[in-house]
Protein backbone atom coordinates (compact mmCIF):
# COMPACT_ATOMS: atom_id res chain seq x y z
CA MET A 1 -0.21 0.12 -0.10
CA VAL A 2 1.05 3.43 -1.19
CA THR A 3 0.89 6.10 1.91
CA ILE A 4 1.25 9.68 1.16
CA GLN A 5 0.82 11.94 3.94
CA THR A 6 1.61 15.84 4.18
CA TYR A 7 2.47 17.32 7.45
CA ILE A 8 2.97 20.65 8.65
CA SER A 9 5.91 22.41 11.71
CA LYS A 10 4.87 23.12 14.84
CA ASN A 11 7.77 25.26 14.89
CA SER A 12 9.67 28.32 12.62
CA TYR A 13 12.29 27.57 10.01
CA ASP A 14 15.15 28.59 12.67
CA VAL A 15 13.86 25.91 15.29
CA ILE A 16 13.75 23.46 13.10
CA VAL A 17 17.33 24.07 11.44
CA ASN A 18 18.44 24.22 15.32
CA LYS A 19 16.53 21.09 16.33
CA HIS A 20 19.09 18.06 16.62
CA LEU A 21 16.00 15.20 16.84
CA LEU A 22 12.92 16.14 14.96
CA ALA A 23 9.65 13.50 15.46
CA ASN A 24 6.45 13.09 14.62
CA GLY A 25 5.57 15.43 17.47
CA ASP A 26 7.16 17.98 16.18
CA PHE A 27 4.82 18.05 13.01
CA ILE A 28 0.82 17.89 12.98
CA PRO A 29 -0.91 16.42 9.84
CA ILE A 30 -2.76 18.27 7.89
CA HIS A 31 -6.14 16.83 8.76
CA HIS A 32 -5.57 17.58 12.29
CA SER A 33 -8.06 19.83 13.75
CA SER A 34 -5.55 22.69 14.31
CA ALA A 35 -3.68 22.23 11.24
CA LYS A 36 -5.35 25.64 9.78
CA GLN A 37 -4.63 27.67 12.72
CA LEU A 38 -1.10 26.41 12.37
CA GLY A 39 -0.89 27.15 9.14
CA ASN A 40 -2.27 30.40 8.69
CA GLN A 41 0.02 31.08 11.99
CA GLN A 42 2.75 30.48 9.67
CA LEU A 43 1.98 31.87 6.41
CA PHE A 44 1.37 34.88 8.83
CA THR A 45 4.99 34.96 10.48
CA SER A 46 6.76 34.65 7.01
CA ARG A 47 4.18 37.07 5.47
CA GLY A 48 2.73 34.39 3.27
CA THR A 49 6.03 33.31 1.72
CA SER A 50 6.28 29.96 4.00
CA LEU A 51 4.51 26.61 5.07
CA TYR A 52 7.20 24.53 6.58
CA GLY A 53 6.14 20.45 6.65
CA THR A 54 7.24 17.38 4.85
CA VAL A 55 4.99 14.87 2.64
CA ILE A 56 6.11 11.38 4.41
CA ILE A 57 5.89 8.49 1.06
CA SER A 58 6.34 5.09 2.19
CA TYR A 59 5.26 1.55 0.49
CA GLN A 60 4.12 -1.50 1.99
CA ASP A 61 6.19 -0.09 5.53
CA GLN A 62 8.95 0.69 4.16
CA PHE A 63 9.99 4.40 4.19
CA LEU A 64 11.07 7.07 1.03
CA THR A 65 10.96 10.16 3.33
CA SER A 66 11.06 11.25 7.01
CA PHE A 67 10.39 14.41 9.00
CA TYR A 68 13.90 15.16 8.55
CA ASP A 69 13.14 15.91 4.53
CA TRP A 70 10.94 18.99 5.57
CA ASP A 71 11.12 22.41 3.76
CA ASP A 72 8.13 24.47 2.17
CA VAL A 73 5.33 22.03 1.78
CA ASP A 74 3.91 24.20 -0.91
CA SER A 75 7.58 23.87 -3.29
CA ILE A 76 7.43 20.32 -1.63
CA TRP A 77 4.13 19.24 -3.49
CA LEU A 78 4.63 21.54 -6.22
CA SER A 79 8.32 19.80 -7.31
CA ILE A 80 7.01 15.94 -6.52
CA LEU A 81 4.01 16.42 -8.70
CA GLN A 82 5.94 18.20 -11.39
CA ALA A 83 8.60 15.13 -11.35
CA MET A 84 5.56 12.43 -11.30
CA TYR A 85 4.51 14.53 -14.92
CA ASP A 86 7.48 14.71 -16.25
CA CYS A 87 8.26 11.29 -15.75
CA LEU A 88 5.18 10.07 -17.62
CA ASN A 89 5.79 12.02 -20.40
CA THR A 90 9.40 11.57 -21.13
CA GLY A 91 10.43 8.46 -18.48
CA VAL A 92 11.97 10.77 -16.29
CA GLY A 93 11.31 13.16 -13.39
CA SER A 94 13.52 15.12 -10.77
CA GLY A 95 13.13 18.09 -8.25
CA GLY A 96 14.48 19.20 -5.22
CA PHE A 97 16.09 22.09 -3.02
CA SER A 98 19.55 23.34 -3.27
CA GLU A 99 19.90 25.24 -0.20
CA ARG A 100 19.05 21.65 1.87
CA SER A 101 20.83 19.81 -0.99
CA MET A 102 17.38 17.92 -0.88
CA ASP A 103 16.48 15.78 -4.04
CA TRP A 104 14.47 13.43 -6.06
CA ARG A 105 14.29 11.54 -9.46
CA MET A 106 11.38 9.51 -10.84
CA LYS A 107 12.28 7.02 -13.38
CA ARG A 108 9.47 5.32 -15.82
CA LEU A 109 10.04 1.57 -16.03
CA THR A 110 8.37 0.01 -18.43
CA GLU A 111 7.55 -3.39 -18.58
CA LYS A 112 4.54 -5.72 -18.06
CA ASN A 113 3.57 -4.08 -15.22
CA PRO A 114 4.65 -0.83 -15.24
CA ALA A 115 6.17 1.00 -12.07
CA ILE A 116 7.81 3.74 -10.76
CA SER A 117 11.42 3.84 -9.53
CA PHE A 118 11.69 6.88 -6.97
CA THR A 119 14.96 8.00 -5.68
CA TRP A 120 14.73 10.47 -2.90
CA ASN A 121 18.54 12.04 -1.47
CA HIS A 122 18.16 13.11 1.50
CA GLY A 123 20.60 15.73 1.12
CA PHE A 124 21.56 17.74 4.58
CA ALA A 125 19.34 15.65 6.94
CA SER A 126 21.86 12.44 6.04
CA LYS A 127 24.97 14.63 7.46
CA GLU A 128 22.79 16.44 10.22
CA TRP A 129 21.03 12.96 11.65
CA ASN A 130 23.55 9.99 11.25
CA ASP A 131 20.47 7.32 11.25
CA ILE A 132 19.46 9.27 8.28
CA PRO A 133 20.89 7.39 4.80
CA LYS A 134 21.86 9.40 2.13
CA ILE A 135 19.81 7.89 -0.69
CA SER A 136 16.50 5.94 -0.62
CA THR A 137 14.80 4.35 -3.38
CA LEU A 138 11.72 2.33 -3.60
CA ARG A 139 9.93 0.96 -6.31
CA PHE A 140 6.18 2.12 -6.77
CA PRO A 141 3.32 0.58 -9.32
CA GLU A 142 2.97 3.27 -11.55
CA ASN A 143 -0.72 3.57 -11.62
CA VAL A 144 -1.11 3.14 -7.68
CA LEU A 145 1.48 5.97 -7.21
CA LEU A 146 -0.34 8.39 -9.91
CA ASN A 147 -3.70 7.62 -8.46
CA ARG A 148 -2.21 8.26 -4.63
CA LEU A 149 -0.76 11.18 -5.37
CA ILE A 150 -3.39 12.69 -7.54
CA GLU A 151 -5.56 11.87 -4.32
CA LYS A 152 -3.16 13.24 -1.69
CA GLY A 153 -2.53 16.52 -4.00
CA THR A 154 -5.80 17.24 -3.88
CA LYS A 155 -5.93 17.00 -0.45
CA PHE A 156 -3.20 19.26 0.03
CA LEU A 157 -4.89 21.64 -2.34
CA LYS A 158 -7.93 21.72 0.13
CA PHE A 159 -6.25 22.20 2.75
CA ARG A 160 -4.20 25.14 1.50
CA ASN A 161 -7.43 26.57 -0.26
CA ALA A 162 -8.39 26.85 3.68
CA LEU A 163 -5.67 29.37 4.78
CA TYR A 164 -5.80 32.67 4.58
CA ASP A 165 -3.13 32.83 1.27
CA SER A 166 -3.82 30.02 -0.51
CA GLY A 167 -0.36 29.96 -2.05
CA PRO A 168 0.42 28.36 -5.42
CA ARG A 169 -2.81 26.79 -5.88
CA GLN A 170 -3.13 27.58 -9.67
CA ASN A 171 0.12 25.58 -10.22
CA ILE A 172 -0.83 22.81 -7.85
CA ASN A 173 -4.36 22.19 -9.63
CA GLN A 174 -3.13 22.65 -12.73
CA LEU A 175 -0.59 19.71 -12.38
CA ILE A 176 -3.05 16.95 -10.92
CA ASN A 177 -4.80 17.88 -13.41
CA ASP A 178 -2.57 17.64 -15.87
CA LEU A 179 -1.78 13.96 -13.93
CA GLN A 180 -5.76 13.37 -14.33
CA SER A 181 -5.17 13.40 -18.22
CA PHE A 182 -2.79 10.05 -17.99
CA SER A 183 -5.86 8.54 -16.26
CA SER A 184 -7.51 6.67 -19.15
CA ASP A 185 -4.20 5.04 -19.60
CA LEU A 186 -3.53 3.90 -16.87
CA GLY A 187 -6.72 3.21 -14.77
CA TYR A 188 -7.07 6.00 -12.89
CA VAL A 189 -10.36 6.31 -10.59
CA HIS A 190 -11.52 9.73 -9.92
CA LEU A 191 -11.29 10.12 -6.00
CA GLU A 192 -13.30 13.01 -4.10
C-alpha cells in the first residue's frame, strides 16, 4: 500500500534548523483540527511566503521520506507533482531544493507491470542526523503511485485553499489536472 501524508511543522524555520532531533511530535498532519490555525500562523509570520512541513511517502511499510525531509511544503508538493508529470511524459522526472541539498528522481520502468523507481536524496538530513541514509529508493506500481499522488495532492490543495493565503494553488491544481490526463492509460479512478 502506498501511503502519502502531508504534515506541517509546529515550529518556525529557525527552530527546525537548530533542533538536533526531529520527531512526529514536531509536526501535525493537515487533517488535524489545529492544522489550519497553525498553517495560518506560519503564513502570517512569514508574510505569506512559507509553510514548513514535509510529505511522508512510504510503500509496504518502507519509508522513502522522513520528518527530516522538511522544507516549504508548497514547494515539495509542486516539485513532486511536476516530477511525476515529467516522468510520465519523458520517462524521467526530478526535483528538489538546493538550499537543503535535497532532491528526488523518478524513472519510469515500462515492463509487463509498469512501475516508477522513486529515488530520494536526503541531502543535509543524512549529514545532520546519522540515522538517515544518504539515498532511499522504492519501486512503486505506476498507476497506484499516480492515483495516490492525485488523491493526496488534491487533499493538500483543499487544505491550502482553506488558509488565508492559498499560495500556489493554481499551479498545484494545474499539475493535478495534468496528471489526471494520464487516467485512461493507467486506470485512474476519480477520487473525491
